[in-house]
Amino acid sequence: MAGGRDRLAAGGLLAAATVAGDEAVDAMTNGYPERQGSPGPADQGPDRVRLLLGGGLAVVLLAVIGASGGWILAGGDSGPADRPVAAATTAPAPTGATPTTEAPRSTPPVTRTTTAAGGLTVPVLVGVDFEDARRQLHERKLGWRLVFGAGAGRNVERTSPEPGTPVRRGVTVTLWVAGPAPAVAVPDLVGDDCDDAADDLVEAGLYPRYRTGRRGTVTVQDPAAGAAARWNDPVALVCGAPPSTPPASPAPTP
């Protein structure tokens, strides 16, 4: 509505300016009719002033007409610019699903192999003299058991556990010897400490058998010192006070 009123007002202004311009032009062309006769020199000044004023007024009116026409053609005031519209960002509606977390991967069980302390294993003793084999086992804090055969020779034929088997200290290794048990003389043990006497018997290839106990001094031994025996034969020891009757001599090992 305001734009229509502006256009009507501009139209009226244009019409008024047109009429005023026509009158100014008539004034410039026609002058005053009563003075259109032969003017005298005295009348030329005022006419020239009127002519200049009319021309200036016409120029001003033409400028106003041009500006009004341009404003009308441009469509008048376009009004205030459109107001910016704020865009509302809607957050996504929460879903009912619960976020899933990845379950920790289970580590496969590791099978651990129990190894002997210090990496102790059965040494290779096959083909070795049985006394040397016994010494190697003793150095490794391992026990031994000799099993003599009916063949010939002193070498070890096989062992149990087998060579390379992990073992712990104190384990007994059985040695199979090719030939029979060799002969050995019984050492003199009377008067020795019972523990020392046991060590001497083991060193000689014999083993002790205690009749009364393992503490004190050896008072009796059987067989007697210097008697013939073979490897693995037992020797009876009486440690401490001697018994009332002498112990019976053990049967020799065949």
C-alpha atoms as a PDB file:
ATOM      1  CA  MET A   1       0.000   0.000   0.000  1.00  0.00           C
ATOM      2  CA  ALA A   2       2.798   2.434   0.854  1.00  0.00           C
ATOM      3  CA  GLY A   3       4.456   1.705  -2.482  1.00  0.00           C
ATOM      4  CA  GLY A   4       1.219   2.611  -4.351  1.00  0.00           C
ATOM      5  CA  ARG A   5       0.878   5.899  -2.488  1.00  0.00           C
ATOM      6  CA  ASP A   6       4.511   6.739  -3.298  1.00  0.00           C
ATOM      7  CA  ARG A   7       3.940   6.067  -6.972  1.00  0.00           C
ATOM      8  CA  LEU A   8       0.757   8.306  -7.020  1.00  0.00           C
ATOM      9  CA  ALA A   9       2.624  11.144  -5.303  1.00  0.00           C
ATOM     10  CA  ALA A  10       5.477  10.850  -7.752  1.00  0.00           C
ATOM     11  CA  GLY A  11       2.987  10.944 -10.641  1.00  0.00           C
ATOM     12  CA  GLY A  12       1.412  14.133  -9.325  1.00  0.00           C
ATOM     13  CA  LEU A  13       4.818  15.719  -8.878  1.00  0.00           C
ATOM     14  CA  LEU A  14       5.725  14.770 -12.425  1.00  0.00           C
ATOM     15  CA  ALA A  15       2.519  16.352 -13.784  1.00  0.00           C
ATOM     16  CA  ALA A  16       3.043  19.564 -11.803  1.00  0.00           C
ATOM     17  CA  ALA A  17       6.638  19.753 -12.927  1.00  0.00           C
ATOM     18  CA  THR A  18       5.520  19.290 -16.521  1.00  0.00           C
ATOM     19  CA  VAL A  19       2.978  22.156 -16.319  1.00  0.00           C
ATOM     20  CA  ALA A  20       5.507  24.425 -14.635  1.00  0.00           C
ATOM     21  CA  GLY A  21       8.022  23.614 -17.290  1.00  0.00           C
ATOM     22  CA  ASP A  22       5.578  24.417 -20.055  1.00  0.00           C
ATOM     23  CA  GLU A  23       4.788  27.768 -18.482  1.00  0.00           C
ATOM     24  CA  ALA A  24       8.467  28.552 -18.138  1.00  0.00           C
ATOM     25  CA  VAL A  25       9.046  27.658 -21.745  1.00  0.00           C
ATOM     26  CA  ASP A  26       6.129  29.854 -22.825  1.00  0.00           C
ATOM     27  CA  ALA A  27       7.601  32.668 -20.820  1.00  0.00           C
ATOM     28  CA  MET A  28      10.950  32.228 -22.475  1.00  0.00           C
ATOM     29  CA  THR A  29       9.480  32.000 -25.995  1.00  0.00           C
ATOM     30  CA  ASN A  30       6.570  34.375 -25.771  1.00  0.00           C
ATOM     31  CA  GLY A  31       7.900  36.944 -23.315  1.00  0.00           C
ATOM     32  CA  TYR A  32       5.408  39.536 -22.386  1.00  0.00           C
ATOM     33  CA  PRO A  33       2.862  40.247 -25.226  1.00  0.00           C
ATOM     34  CA  GLU A  34       2.466  43.864 -24.398  1.00  0.00           C
ATOM     35  CA  ARG A  35       6.191  44.389 -25.017  1.00  0.00           C
ATOM     36  CA  GLN A  36       6.561  42.364 -28.248  1.00  0.00           C
ATOM     37  CA  GLY A  37       6.800  45.482 -30.294  1.00  0.00           C
ATOM     38  CA  SER A  38      10.053  46.981 -31.094  1.00  0.00           C
ATOM     39  CA  PRO A  39      11.764  47.106 -27.731  1.00  0.00           C
ATOM     40  CA  GLY A  40      13.874  49.918 -26.855  1.00  0.00           C
ATOM     41  CA  PRO A  41      17.337  49.728 -25.562  1.00  0.00           C
ATOM     42  CA  ALA A  42      16.102  50.406 -22.065  1.00  0.00           C
ATOM     43  CA  ASP A  43      13.869  47.290 -22.044  1.00  0.00           C
ATOM     44  CA  GLN A  44      16.516  44.746 -23.059  1.00  0.00           C
ATOM     45  CA  GLY A  45      17.980  44.346 -19.515  1.00  0.00           C
ATOM     46  CA  PRO A  46      14.886  43.068 -17.710  1.00  0.00           C
ATOM     47  CA  ASP A  47      13.990  40.693 -20.523  1.00  0.00           C
ATOM     48  CA  ARG A  48      17.432  39.153 -20.422  1.00  0.00           C
ATOM     49  CA  VAL A  49      17.128  38.574 -16.665  1.00  0.00           C
ATOM     50  CA  ARG A  50      13.756  36.917 -17.037  1.00  0.00           C
ATOM     51  CA  LEU A  51      15.123  34.737 -19.770  1.00  0.00           C
ATOM     52  CA  LEU A  52      17.985  33.514 -17.603  1.00  0.00           C
ATOM     53  CA  LEU A  53      15.722  32.853 -14.622  1.00  0.00           C
ATOM     54  CA  GLY A  54      13.268  30.923 -16.746  1.00  0.00           C
ATOM     55  CA  GLY A  55      16.047  28.785 -18.250  1.00  0.00           C
ATOM     56  CA  GLY A  56      17.452  27.955 -14.810  1.00  0.00           C
ATOM     57  CA  LEU A  57      14.020  27.042 -13.525  1.00  0.00           C
ATOM     58  CA  ALA A  58      13.468  24.789 -16.512  1.00  0.00           C
ATOM     59  CA  VAL A  59      16.778  22.999 -15.904  1.00  0.00           C
ATOM     60  CA  VAL A  60      15.863  22.421 -12.244  1.00  0.00           C
ATOM     61  CA  LEU A  61      12.429  21.120 -13.154  1.00  0.00           C
ATOM     62  CA  LEU A  62      13.881  18.777 -15.766  1.00  0.00           C
ATOM     63  CA  ALA A  63      16.331  17.408 -13.170  1.00  0.00           C
ATOM     64  CA  VAL A  64      13.504  16.818 -10.706  1.00  0.00           C
ATOM     65  CA  ILE A  65      11.442  15.139 -13.422  1.00  0.00           C
ATOM     66  CA  GLY A  66      14.358  12.863 -14.324  1.00  0.00           C
ATOM     67  CA  ALA A  67      14.986  11.872 -10.705  1.00  0.00           C
ATOM     68  CA  SER A  68      11.302  11.212 -10.092  1.00  0.00           C
ATOM     69  CA  GLY A  69      11.008   9.089 -13.215  1.00  0.00           C
ATOM     70  CA  GLY A  70      14.063   7.058 -12.275  1.00  0.00           C
ATOM     71  CA  TRP A  71      12.700   6.484  -8.779  1.00  0.00           C
ATOM     72  CA  ILE A  72       9.342   5.372 -10.198  1.00  0.00           C
ATOM     73  CA  LEU A  73      10.987   3.046 -12.706  1.00  0.00           C
ATOM     74  CA  ALA A  74      13.181   1.587  -9.958  1.00  0.00           C
ATOM     75  CA  GLY A  75      10.057   0.574  -8.041  1.00  0.00           C
ATOM     76  CA  GLY A  76      10.399   2.969  -5.149  1.00  0.00           C
ATOM     77  CA  ASP A  77      11.720   1.945  -1.781  1.00  0.00           C
ATOM     78  CA  SER A  78      12.197  -1.762  -1.633  1.00  0.00           C
ATOM     79  CA  GLY A  79      11.560  -1.699   2.069  1.00  0.00           C
ATOM     80  CA  PRO A  80      13.750  -3.128   4.752  1.00  0.00           C
ATOM     81  CA  ALA A  81      15.852  -6.113   3.898  1.00  0.00           C
ATOM     82  CA  ASP A  82      14.590  -9.476   4.904  1.00  0.00           C
ATOM     83  CA  ARG A  83      15.452 -10.332   8.449  1.00  0.00           C
ATOM     84  CA  PRO A  84      17.869 -13.212   8.855  1.00  0.00           C
ATOM     85  CA  VAL A  85      16.181 -16.394   9.922  1.00  0.00           C
ATOM     86  CA  ALA A  86      17.976 -18.325  12.628  1.00  0.00           C
ATOM     87  CA  ALA A  87      18.310 -21.955  11.653  1.00  0.00           C
ATOM     88  CA  ALA A  88      17.670 -24.235  14.593  1.00  0.00           C
ATOM     89  CA  THR A  89      19.780 -27.348  14.730  1.00  0.00           C
ATOM     90  CA  THR A  90      17.906 -30.243  16.208  1.00  0.00           C
ATOM     91  CA  ALA A  91      20.055 -32.774  18.027  1.00  0.00           C
ATOM     92  CA  PRO A  92      19.439 -36.366  16.994  1.00  0.00           C
ATOM     93  CA  ALA A  93      17.033 -38.112  19.268  1.00  0.00           C
ATOM     94  CA  PRO A  94      18.775 -40.562  21.553  1.00  0.00           C
ATOM     95  CA  THR A  95      18.162 -44.112  20.629  1.00  0.00           C
ATOM     96  CA  GLY A  96      17.246 -46.762  23.104  1.00  0.00           C
ATOM     97  CA  ALA A  97      20.182 -48.897  22.081  1.00  0.00           C
ATOM     98  CA  THR A  98      23.009 -49.026  24.615  1.00  0.00           C
ATOM     99  CA  PRO A  99      26.484 -48.537  23.090  1.00  0.00           C
ATOM    100  CA  THR A 100      28.272 -51.783  23.000  1.00  0.00           C
ATOM    101  CA  THR A 101      31.832 -52.091  24.201  1.00  0.00           C
ATOM    102  CA  GLU A 102      34.205 -54.564  22.674  1.00  0.00           C
ATOM    103  CA  ALA A 103      34.817 -57.468  24.987  1.00  0.00           C
ATOM    104  CA  PRO A 104      38.465 -57.924  25.948  1.00  0.00           C
ATOM    105  CA  ARG A 105      40.090 -60.591  23.964  1.00  0.00           C
ATOM    106  CA  SER A 106      40.996 -63.567  26.028  1.00  0.00           C
ATOM    107  CA  THR A 107      44.623 -64.588  25.970  1.00  0.00           C
ATOM    108  CA  PRO A 108      45.131 -68.263  25.238  1.00  0.00           C
ATOM    109  CA  PRO A 109      46.606 -70.130  28.173  1.00  0.00           C
ATOM    110  CA  VAL A 110      50.324 -70.694  28.037  1.00  0.00           C
ATOM    111  CA  THR A 111      51.581 -74.107  28.924  1.00  0.00           C
ATOM    112  CA  ARG A 112      54.707 -73.778  31.018  1.00  0.00           C
ATOM    113  CA  THR A 113      57.287 -76.473  31.078  1.00  0.00           C
ATOM    114  CA  THR A 114      58.825 -77.049  34.468  1.00  0.00           C
ATOM    115  CA  THR A 115      62.580 -77.139  34.079  1.00  0.00           C
ATOM    116  CA  ALA A 116      65.101 -78.468  36.519  1.00  0.00           C
ATOM    117  CA  ALA A 117      66.972 -76.039  38.713  1.00  0.00           C
ATOM    118  CA  GLY A 118      69.994 -74.720  36.872  1.00  0.00           C
ATOM    119  CA  GLY A 119      69.096 -76.664  33.719  1.00  0.00           C
ATOM    120  CA  LEU A 120      70.302 -79.953  35.244  1.00  0.00           C
ATOM    121  CA  THR A 121      70.040 -82.928  32.873  1.00  0.00           C
ATOM    122  CA  VAL A 122      71.254 -86.505  32.785  1.00  0.00           C
ATOM    123  CA  PRO A 123      74.703 -86.573  31.154  1.00  0.00           C
ATOM    124  CA  VAL A 124      75.613 -88.871  28.293  1.00  0.00           C
ATOM    125  CA  LEU A 125      77.189 -91.884  30.015  1.00  0.00           C
ATOM    126  CA  VAL A 126      76.730 -94.686  27.502  1.00  0.00           C
ATOM    127  CA  GLY A 127      80.138 -96.171  26.616  1.00  0.00           C
ATOM    128  CA  VAL A 128      81.800 -94.614  29.687  1.00  0.00           C
ATOM    129  CA  ASP A 129      83.564 -96.688  32.397  1.00  0.00           C
ATOM    130  CA  PHE A 130      81.092 -97.147  35.233  1.00  0.00           C
ATOM    131  CA  GLU A 131      83.434 -95.580  37.832  1.00  0.00           C
ATOM    132  CA  ASP A 132      83.831 -92.470  35.673  1.00  0.00           C
ATOM    133  CA  ALA A 133      80.051 -92.406  35.134  1.00  0.00           C
ATOM    134  CA  ARG A 134      79.502 -92.601  38.864  1.00  0.00           C
ATOM    135  CA  ARG A 135      81.915 -89.677  39.412  1.00  0.00           C
ATOM    136  CA  GLN A 136      80.036 -87.477  36.914  1.00  0.00           C
ATOM    137  CA  LEU A 137      76.756 -88.171  38.654  1.00  0.00           C
ATOM    138  CA  HIS A 138      78.307 -87.395  42.031  1.00  0.00           C
ATOM    139  CA  GLU A 139      79.581 -84.010  40.738  1.00  0.00           C
ATOM    140  CA  ARG A 140      76.037 -83.139  39.641  1.00  0.00           C
ATOM    141  CA  LYS A 141      74.627 -84.037  43.077  1.00  0.00           C
ATOM    142  CA  LEU A 142      72.799 -87.021  41.581  1.00  0.00           C
ATOM    143  CA  GLY A 143      72.556 -90.502  43.025  1.00  0.00           C
ATOM    144  CA  TRP A 144      73.407 -93.714  41.166  1.00  0.00           C
ATOM    145  CA  ARG A 145      72.533 -97.360  41.191  1.00  0.00           C
ATOM    146  CA  LEU A 146      74.787 -99.916  39.482  1.00  0.00           C
ATOM    147  CA  VAL A 147      73.329-102.956  37.784  1.00  0.00           C
ATOM    148  CA  PHE A 148      76.045-105.322  36.611  1.00  0.00           C
ATOM    149  CA  GLY A 149      75.540-107.736  33.749  1.00  0.00           C
ATOM    150  CA  ALA A 150      76.817-111.131  32.642  1.00  0.00           C
ATOM    151  CA  GLY A 151      78.892-109.862  29.744  1.00  0.00           C
ATOM    152  CA  ALA A 152      82.386-108.430  29.626  1.00  0.00           C
ATOM    153  CA  GLY A 153      83.681-104.937  30.210  1.00  0.00           C
ATOM    154  CA  ARG A 154      83.157-102.057  32.601  1.00  0.00           C
ATOM    155  CA  ASN A 155      81.325 -99.645  30.293  1.00  0.00           C
ATOM    156  CA  VAL A 156      77.801 -98.361  30.745  1.00  0.00           C
ATOM    157  CA  GLU A 157      75.340 -99.750  28.176  1.00  0.00           C
ATOM    158  CA  ARG A 158      72.303 -97.616  29.014  1.00  0.00           C
ATOM    159  CA  THR A 159      70.926 -95.272  31.635  1.00  0.00           C
ATOM    160  CA  SER A 160      67.568 -94.460  33.164  1.00  0.00           C
ATOM    161  CA  PRO A 161      66.503 -91.667  32.830  1.00  0.00           C
ATOM    162  CA  GLU A 162      67.910 -91.321  29.328  1.00  0.00           C
ATOM    163  CA  PRO A 163      70.680 -88.819  28.545  1.00  0.00           C
ATOM    164  CA  GLY A 164      69.450 -85.214  28.282  1.00  0.00           C
ATOM    165  CA  THR A 165      66.434 -85.719  30.536  1.00  0.00           C
ATOM    166  CA  PRO A 166      65.852 -82.737  32.883  1.00  0.00           C
ATOM    167  CA  VAL A 167      66.228 -83.850  36.499  1.00  0.00           C
ATOM    168  CA  ARG A 168      66.537 -82.341  39.942  1.00  0.00           C
ATOM    169  CA  ARG A 169      69.317 -82.776  42.428  1.00  0.00           C
ATOM    170  CA  GLY A 170      69.156 -85.991  44.422  1.00  0.00           C
ATOM    171  CA  VAL A 171      67.514 -88.029  41.659  1.00  0.00           C
ATOM    172  CA  THR A 172      68.967 -91.538  41.323  1.00  0.00           C
ATOM    173  CA  VAL A 173      70.218 -92.570  37.879  1.00  0.00           C
ATOM    174  CA  THR A 174      70.419 -96.279  37.170  1.00  0.00           C
ATOM    175  CA  LEU A 175      73.506 -97.455  35.225  1.00  0.00           C
ATOM    176  CA  TRP A 176      73.536-100.793  33.414  1.00  0.00           C
ATOM    177  CA  VAL A 177      77.101-102.100  33.171  1.00  0.00           C
ATOM    178  CA  ALA A 178      78.075-104.658  30.569  1.00  0.00           C
ATOM    179  CA  GLY A 179      80.242-106.949  32.761  1.00  0.00           C
ATOM    180  CA  PRO A 180      79.993-108.398  36.297  1.00  0.00           C
ATOM    181  CA  ALA A 181      80.772-106.517  39.505  1.00  0.00           C
ATOM    182  CA  PRO A 182      84.538-106.346  40.101  1.00  0.00           C
ATOM    183  CA  ALA A 183      86.160-107.537  43.345  1.00  0.00           C
ATOM    184  CA  VAL A 184      87.016-105.043  46.102  1.00  0.00           C
ATOM    185  CA  ALA A 185      88.660-105.263  49.587  1.00  0.00           C
ATOM    186  CA  VAL A 186      86.648-104.123  52.623  1.00  0.00           C
ATOM    187  CA  PRO A 187      88.314-101.082  54.264  1.00  0.00           C
ATOM    188  CA  ASP A 188      89.071-100.837  57.998  1.00  0.00           C
ATOM    189  CA  LEU A 189      86.309 -98.726  59.573  1.00  0.00           C
ATOM    190  CA  VAL A 190      86.477 -99.484  63.344  1.00  0.00           C
ATOM    191  CA  GLY A 191      87.154 -96.348  65.369  1.00  0.00           C
ATOM    192  CA  ASP A 192      85.979 -94.015  62.595  1.00  0.00           C
ATOM    193  CA  ASP A 193      83.013 -91.706  62.893  1.00  0.00           C
ATOM    194  CA  CYS A 194      79.911 -93.405  61.572  1.00  0.00           C
ATOM    195  CA  ASP A 195      79.344 -90.780  58.861  1.00  0.00           C
ATOM    196  CA  ASP A 196      82.961 -90.912  57.702  1.00  0.00           C
ATOM    197  CA  ALA A 197      82.855 -94.718  57.601  1.00  0.00           C
ATOM    198  CA  ALA A 198      79.785 -94.555  55.337  1.00  0.00           C
ATOM    199  CA  ASP A 199      81.593 -92.236  52.929  1.00  0.00           C
ATOM    200  CA  ASP A 200      84.590 -94.591  52.781  1.00  0.00           C
ATOM    201  CA  LEU A 201      82.367 -97.546  51.954  1.00  0.00           C
ATOM    202  CA  VAL A 202      80.636 -95.679  49.123  1.00  0.00           C
ATOM    203  CA  GLU A 203      83.962 -94.592  47.719  1.00  0.00           C
ATOM    204  CA  ALA A 204      85.142 -98.228  47.678  1.00  0.00           C
ATOM    205  CA  GLY A 205      81.998 -99.372  45.825  1.00  0.00           C
ATOM    206  CA  LEU A 206      80.250-100.774  48.888  1.00  0.00           C
ATOM    207  CA  TYR A 207      77.320 -99.441  50.880  1.00  0.00           C
ATOM    208  CA  PRO A 208      76.702 -99.311  54.658  1.00  0.00           C
ATOM    209  CA  ARG A 209      74.047-101.143  56.603  1.00  0.00           C
ATOM    210  CA  TYR A 210      73.450 -99.809  60.100  1.00  0.00           C
ATOM    211  CA  ARG A 211      72.650-102.185  62.944  1.00  0.00           C
ATOM    212  CA  THR A 212      72.103 -99.833  65.887  1.00  0.00           C
ATOM    213  CA  GLY A 213      72.178 -96.263  64.645  1.00  0.00           C
ATOM    214  CA  ARG A 214      74.060 -93.716  62.586  1.00  0.00           C
ATOM    215  CA  ARG A 215      75.680 -91.680  65.362  1.00  0.00           C
ATOM    216  CA  GLY A 216      78.874 -92.247  67.237  1.00  0.00           C
ATOM    217  CA  THR A 217      82.029 -94.210  66.536  1.00  0.00           C
ATOM    218  CA  VAL A 218      82.130 -97.461  64.601  1.00  0.00           C
ATOM    219  CA  THR A 219      82.816-100.239  67.117  1.00  0.00           C
ATOM    220  CA  VAL A 220      82.096-103.252  64.965  1.00  0.00           C
ATOM    221  CA  GLN A 221      82.094-103.923  61.239  1.00  0.00           C
ATOM    222  CA  ASP A 222      81.246-107.025  59.252  1.00  0.00           C
ATOM    223  CA  PRO A 223      82.943-108.244  57.060  1.00  0.00           C
ATOM    224  CA  ALA A 224      86.156-107.398  58.822  1.00  0.00           C
ATOM    225  CA  ALA A 225      88.781-105.185  57.338  1.00  0.00           C
ATOM    226  CA  GLY A 226      90.632-106.740  54.361  1.00  0.00           C
ATOM    227  CA  ALA A 227      87.895-109.265  53.535  1.00  0.00           C
ATOM    228  CA  ALA A 228      87.100-109.871  49.883  1.00  0.00           C
ATOM    229  CA  ALA A 229      83.904-108.359  48.531  1.00  0.00           C
ATOM    230  CA  ARG A 230      82.438-107.143  45.279  1.00  0.00           C
ATOM    231  CA  TRP A 231      80.966-103.882  44.132  1.00  0.00           C
ATOM    232  CA  ASN A 232      77.544-103.206  45.624  1.00  0.00           C
ATOM    233  CA  ASP A 233      78.149-105.572  48.577  1.00  0.00           C
ATOM    234  CA  PRO A 234      76.813-104.264  51.937  1.00  0.00           C
ATOM    235  CA  VAL A 235      78.991-103.834  55.063  1.00  0.00           C
ATOM    236  CA  ALA A 236      77.286-103.909  58.479  1.00  0.00           C
ATOM    237  CA  LEU A 237      78.303-101.146  60.908  1.00  0.00           C
ATOM    238  CA  VAL A 238      77.716-100.830  64.657  1.00  0.00           C
ATOM    239  CA  CYS A 239      78.024 -97.230  65.793  1.00  0.00           C
ATOM    240  CA  GLY A 240      78.171 -96.232  69.479  1.00  0.00           C
ATOM    241  CA  ALA A 241      78.199 -98.853  72.286  1.00  0.00           C
ATOM    242  CA  PRO A 242      78.899-102.385  71.011  1.00  0.00           C
ATOM    243  CA  PRO A 243      76.032-104.885  71.315  1.00  0.00           C
ATOM    244  CA  SER A 244      76.193-107.830  73.713  1.00  0.00           C
ATOM    245  CA  THR A 245      76.539-110.288  70.851  1.00  0.00           C
ATOM    246  CA  PRO A 246      78.469-109.699  67.688  1.00  0.00           C
ATOM    247  CA  PRO A 247      76.356-109.212  64.573  1.00  0.00           C
ATOM    248  CA  ALA A 248      76.069-112.058  62.134  1.00  0.00           C
ATOM    249  CA  SER A 249      78.092-111.709  58.982  1.00  0.00           C
ATOM    250  CA  PRO A 250      75.954-110.870  55.943  1.00  0.00           C
ATOM    251  CA  ALA A 251      75.916-113.362  53.114  1.00  0.00           C
ATOM    252  CA  PRO A 252      78.313-112.388  50.340  1.00  0.00           C
ATOM    253  CA  THR A 253      76.826-111.168  47.068  1.00  0.00           C
ATOM    254  CA  PRO A 254      77.239-113.762  44.363  1.00  0.00           C
END
